[in-house]
Amino acid sequence: MKKKIIRIFLLIELLLFLLNICKVKTSYKENKEYLATISFTDSISLSNPDIVGSIKIAGSKYILVQGSDNDFYLHHDVNKKENEFGTIFLDYRCNLFTSDSCAIYGHSSNYYELPFNVIERYLDSSFWHSNKIIEISYYNELLTYEVVGVVNSYSDYVGDNVLYLQTCQPSQTGVLLLVAIKR
């Protein structure tokens, strides 16, 4: 009787393991489709009026949107379809030409390949110095920024004309990670 119970538990564990593998493959596929959606190419159709340009970080270029609030694009892609990964978006109150300080938000993850995963790599000084230039095309004007700090709160780096790239730090739950950049 004891052996039968152990076999049943092992069978259940095996089934749960196989279900998790199937789930990861689906999530991986969805993640790849998401990345294809937000990656910026010259031939991309820009049908969403919220698209304000693109951001190039560490050699990769992504679409940049700006909505009417800071909630919508946390859970919607550039085509305004619901998506758990959201998209990279500029704070709705900001104008990169006139605002003193602004923020660009994006998700990062330990489990999925997301554009703002690169933000945590700026904690490594050699990566920082090799990738210190960030380019933003904003309403067809190229704005060039340089990384000036990597902090965990807005009060840790205060200055004029600072743009913050903000994400959650994947390695520490609930901790913000900000890359401060200036023109």
Protein backbone atom coordinates (compact mmCIF):
# COMPACT_ATOMS: atom_id res chain seq x y z
CA MET A 1 0.00 0.00 0.00
CA LYS A 2 2.81 2.40 0.92
CA LYS A 3 4.53 1.76 -2.45
CA LYS A 4 1.32 2.54 -4.35
CA ILE A 5 0.95 5.88 -2.56
CA ILE A 6 4.57 6.77 -3.33
CA ARG A 7 4.07 5.85 -7.01
CA ILE A 8 0.93 7.98 -7.19
CA PHE A 9 2.80 10.98 -5.70
CA LEU A 10 5.68 10.47 -8.13
CA LEU A 11 3.24 10.28 -11.04
CA ILE A 12 1.54 13.49 -9.89
CA GLU A 13 4.92 15.24 -9.56
CA LEU A 14 5.88 14.10 -13.06
CA LEU A 15 2.62 15.41 -14.50
CA LEU A 16 3.04 18.77 -12.75
CA PHE A 17 6.61 19.00 -14.04
CA LEU A 18 5.47 18.32 -17.62
CA LEU A 19 2.69 20.90 -17.32
CA ASN A 20 5.21 23.52 -16.17
CA ILE A 21 7.46 22.78 -19.15
CA CYS A 22 4.52 23.31 -21.52
CA LYS A 23 3.65 26.55 -19.74
CA VAL A 24 7.25 27.84 -20.01
CA LYS A 25 7.35 27.06 -23.74
CA THR A 26 4.13 29.03 -24.27
CA SER A 27 5.45 31.92 -22.20
CA TYR A 28 8.76 31.84 -24.06
CA LYS A 29 6.90 31.97 -27.38
CA GLU A 30 4.74 34.84 -26.14
CA ASN A 31 7.86 36.66 -24.94
CA LYS A 32 9.49 36.34 -28.37
CA GLU A 33 6.33 37.62 -30.07
CA TYR A 34 6.27 40.55 -27.63
CA LEU A 35 9.89 41.46 -28.40
CA ALA A 36 9.13 41.42 -32.12
CA THR A 37 6.23 43.80 -31.48
CA ILE A 38 8.21 46.43 -29.56
CA SER A 39 11.51 46.30 -31.45
CA PHE A 40 11.94 49.33 -33.66
CA THR A 41 12.77 48.88 -37.32
CA ASP A 42 12.71 51.42 -40.13
CA SER A 43 9.89 49.52 -41.84
CA ILE A 44 7.59 49.44 -38.81
CA SER A 45 4.06 50.68 -39.25
CA LEU A 46 3.47 53.45 -36.73
CA SER A 47 -0.32 53.31 -36.55
CA ASN A 48 -0.62 54.13 -32.82
CA PRO A 49 -0.79 57.92 -32.27
CA ASP A 50 0.77 57.39 -28.79
CA ILE A 51 4.09 56.40 -30.40
CA VAL A 52 6.41 59.36 -29.86
CA GLY A 53 9.66 57.81 -31.07
CA SER A 54 12.22 55.24 -30.07
CA ILE A 55 14.90 54.60 -27.47
CA LYS A 56 18.26 52.95 -28.20
CA ILE A 57 19.89 51.30 -25.19
CA ALA A 58 23.06 49.19 -25.38
CA GLY A 59 22.69 48.70 -29.13
CA SER A 60 18.99 47.73 -29.15
CA LYS A 61 16.26 50.05 -30.34
CA TYR A 62 12.68 49.97 -29.02
CA ILE A 63 9.46 51.87 -29.65
CA LEU A 64 8.68 54.63 -27.13
CA VAL A 65 5.06 55.55 -26.37
CA GLN A 66 3.41 58.21 -24.22
CA GLY A 67 -0.16 57.77 -23.05
CA SER A 68 -2.63 59.92 -21.16
CA ASP A 69 -1.67 58.29 -17.83
CA ASN A 70 1.10 56.12 -16.36
CA ASP A 71 -1.07 53.02 -15.92
CA PHE A 72 -2.24 51.99 -19.38
CA TYR A 73 1.11 51.00 -20.92
CA LEU A 74 2.17 49.06 -17.84
CA HIS A 75 -0.07 46.27 -19.15
CA HIS A 76 -0.57 47.07 -22.85
CA ASP A 77 1.74 46.73 -25.85
CA VAL A 78 2.43 49.34 -28.51
CA ASN A 79 -0.69 48.24 -30.39
CA LYS A 80 -2.81 48.92 -27.27
CA LYS A 81 -3.46 45.23 -26.77
CA GLU A 82 -3.45 43.90 -23.22
CA ASN A 83 -0.03 42.38 -22.46
CA GLU A 84 1.55 41.49 -19.12
CA PHE A 85 4.92 42.82 -20.29
CA GLY A 86 3.60 46.31 -21.09
CA THR A 87 5.83 48.51 -23.21
CA ILE A 88 8.42 51.23 -22.72
CA PHE A 89 6.65 54.53 -22.08
CA LEU A 90 7.41 58.14 -21.24
CA ASP A 91 5.68 59.68 -18.22
CA TYR A 92 2.47 61.32 -19.45
CA ARG A 93 3.42 64.64 -17.80
CA CYS A 94 6.78 64.94 -19.58
CA ASN A 95 7.99 66.73 -22.65
CA LEU A 96 11.61 65.86 -23.44
CA PHE A 97 12.13 69.28 -25.05
CA THR A 98 10.93 71.39 -22.10
CA SER A 99 10.63 69.38 -18.86
CA ASP A 100 13.36 69.61 -16.22
CA SER A 101 13.10 66.02 -15.05
CA CYS A 102 11.28 63.11 -16.67
CA ALA A 103 10.97 59.36 -16.42
CA ILE A 104 10.72 56.54 -18.91
CA TYR A 105 9.27 53.33 -17.51
CA GLY A 106 9.56 49.70 -18.53
CA HIS A 107 9.30 46.24 -17.02
CA SER A 108 12.24 43.95 -16.28
CA SER A 109 12.27 40.31 -15.25
CA ASN A 110 14.44 37.48 -14.02
CA TYR A 111 12.45 35.06 -16.18
CA TYR A 112 11.69 36.81 -19.46
CA GLU A 113 13.75 38.72 -21.97
CA LEU A 114 12.51 42.29 -21.59
CA PRO A 115 14.11 45.51 -22.88
CA PHE A 116 14.65 47.08 -19.45
CA ASN A 117 16.50 44.01 -18.15
CA VAL A 118 19.52 45.90 -19.42
CA ILE A 119 19.01 48.57 -16.74
CA GLU A 120 20.37 46.25 -14.03
CA ARG A 121 23.52 45.72 -16.09
CA TYR A 122 24.37 49.40 -15.54
CA LEU A 123 25.32 48.46 -11.96
CA ASP A 124 28.49 46.99 -13.51
CA SER A 125 30.87 49.92 -14.15
CA SER A 126 32.49 48.31 -17.20
CA PHE A 127 29.06 47.83 -18.83
CA TRP A 128 28.12 51.40 -17.88
CA HIS A 129 31.22 52.88 -19.50
CA SER A 130 30.84 50.73 -22.62
CA ASN A 131 27.15 51.70 -23.01
CA LYS A 132 26.99 55.19 -21.53
CA ILE A 133 25.30 56.80 -24.55
CA ILE A 134 21.52 56.39 -24.90
CA GLU A 135 19.74 57.80 -27.92
CA ILE A 136 16.11 58.80 -28.00
CA SER A 137 14.26 59.80 -31.13
CA TYR A 138 11.46 62.04 -29.89
CA TYR A 139 9.05 63.44 -32.48
CA ASN A 140 11.71 62.82 -35.16
CA GLU A 141 14.44 64.71 -33.30
CA LEU A 142 17.47 62.72 -32.11
CA LEU A 143 18.33 63.41 -28.46
CA THR A 144 21.61 62.02 -27.14
CA TYR A 145 21.98 61.29 -23.42
CA GLU A 146 24.83 60.09 -21.24
CA VAL A 147 24.44 57.88 -18.18
CA VAL A 148 25.37 59.88 -15.06
CA GLY A 149 24.14 57.64 -12.25
CA VAL A 150 22.49 54.39 -11.22
CA VAL A 151 20.33 54.72 -8.10
CA ASN A 152 17.40 53.18 -6.20
CA SER A 153 15.33 56.34 -5.63
CA TYR A 154 14.81 59.72 -7.24
CA SER A 155 16.29 61.48 -4.22
CA ASP A 156 19.59 59.58 -4.64
CA TYR A 157 20.45 61.57 -7.78
CA VAL A 158 19.04 65.06 -8.05
CA GLY A 159 19.94 67.44 -10.82
CA ASP A 160 18.55 69.66 -13.54
CA ASN A 161 17.42 68.17 -16.85
CA VAL A 162 17.69 64.56 -15.69
CA LEU A 163 15.83 61.80 -17.45
CA TYR A 164 15.38 58.61 -15.43
CA LEU A 165 14.97 55.16 -16.92
CA GLN A 166 12.95 53.33 -14.27
CA THR A 167 12.27 49.65 -13.71
CA CYS A 168 11.93 47.25 -10.78
CA GLN A 169 15.20 45.60 -9.86
CA PRO A 170 14.70 41.94 -10.84
CA SER A 171 17.19 40.63 -8.28
CA GLN A 172 15.46 42.45 -5.37
CA THR A 173 11.68 42.33 -5.06
CA GLY A 174 10.05 45.73 -4.60
CA VAL A 175 13.23 47.77 -5.18
CA LEU A 176 13.32 50.40 -7.91
CA LEU A 177 16.31 50.74 -10.17
CA LEU A 178 16.87 54.03 -11.97
CA VAL A 179 19.46 55.00 -14.52
CA ALA A 180 19.90 58.78 -14.52
CA ILE A 181 20.81 60.21 -17.92
CA LYS A 182 21.51 63.77 -19.09
CA ARG A 183 21.84 65.50 -22.44
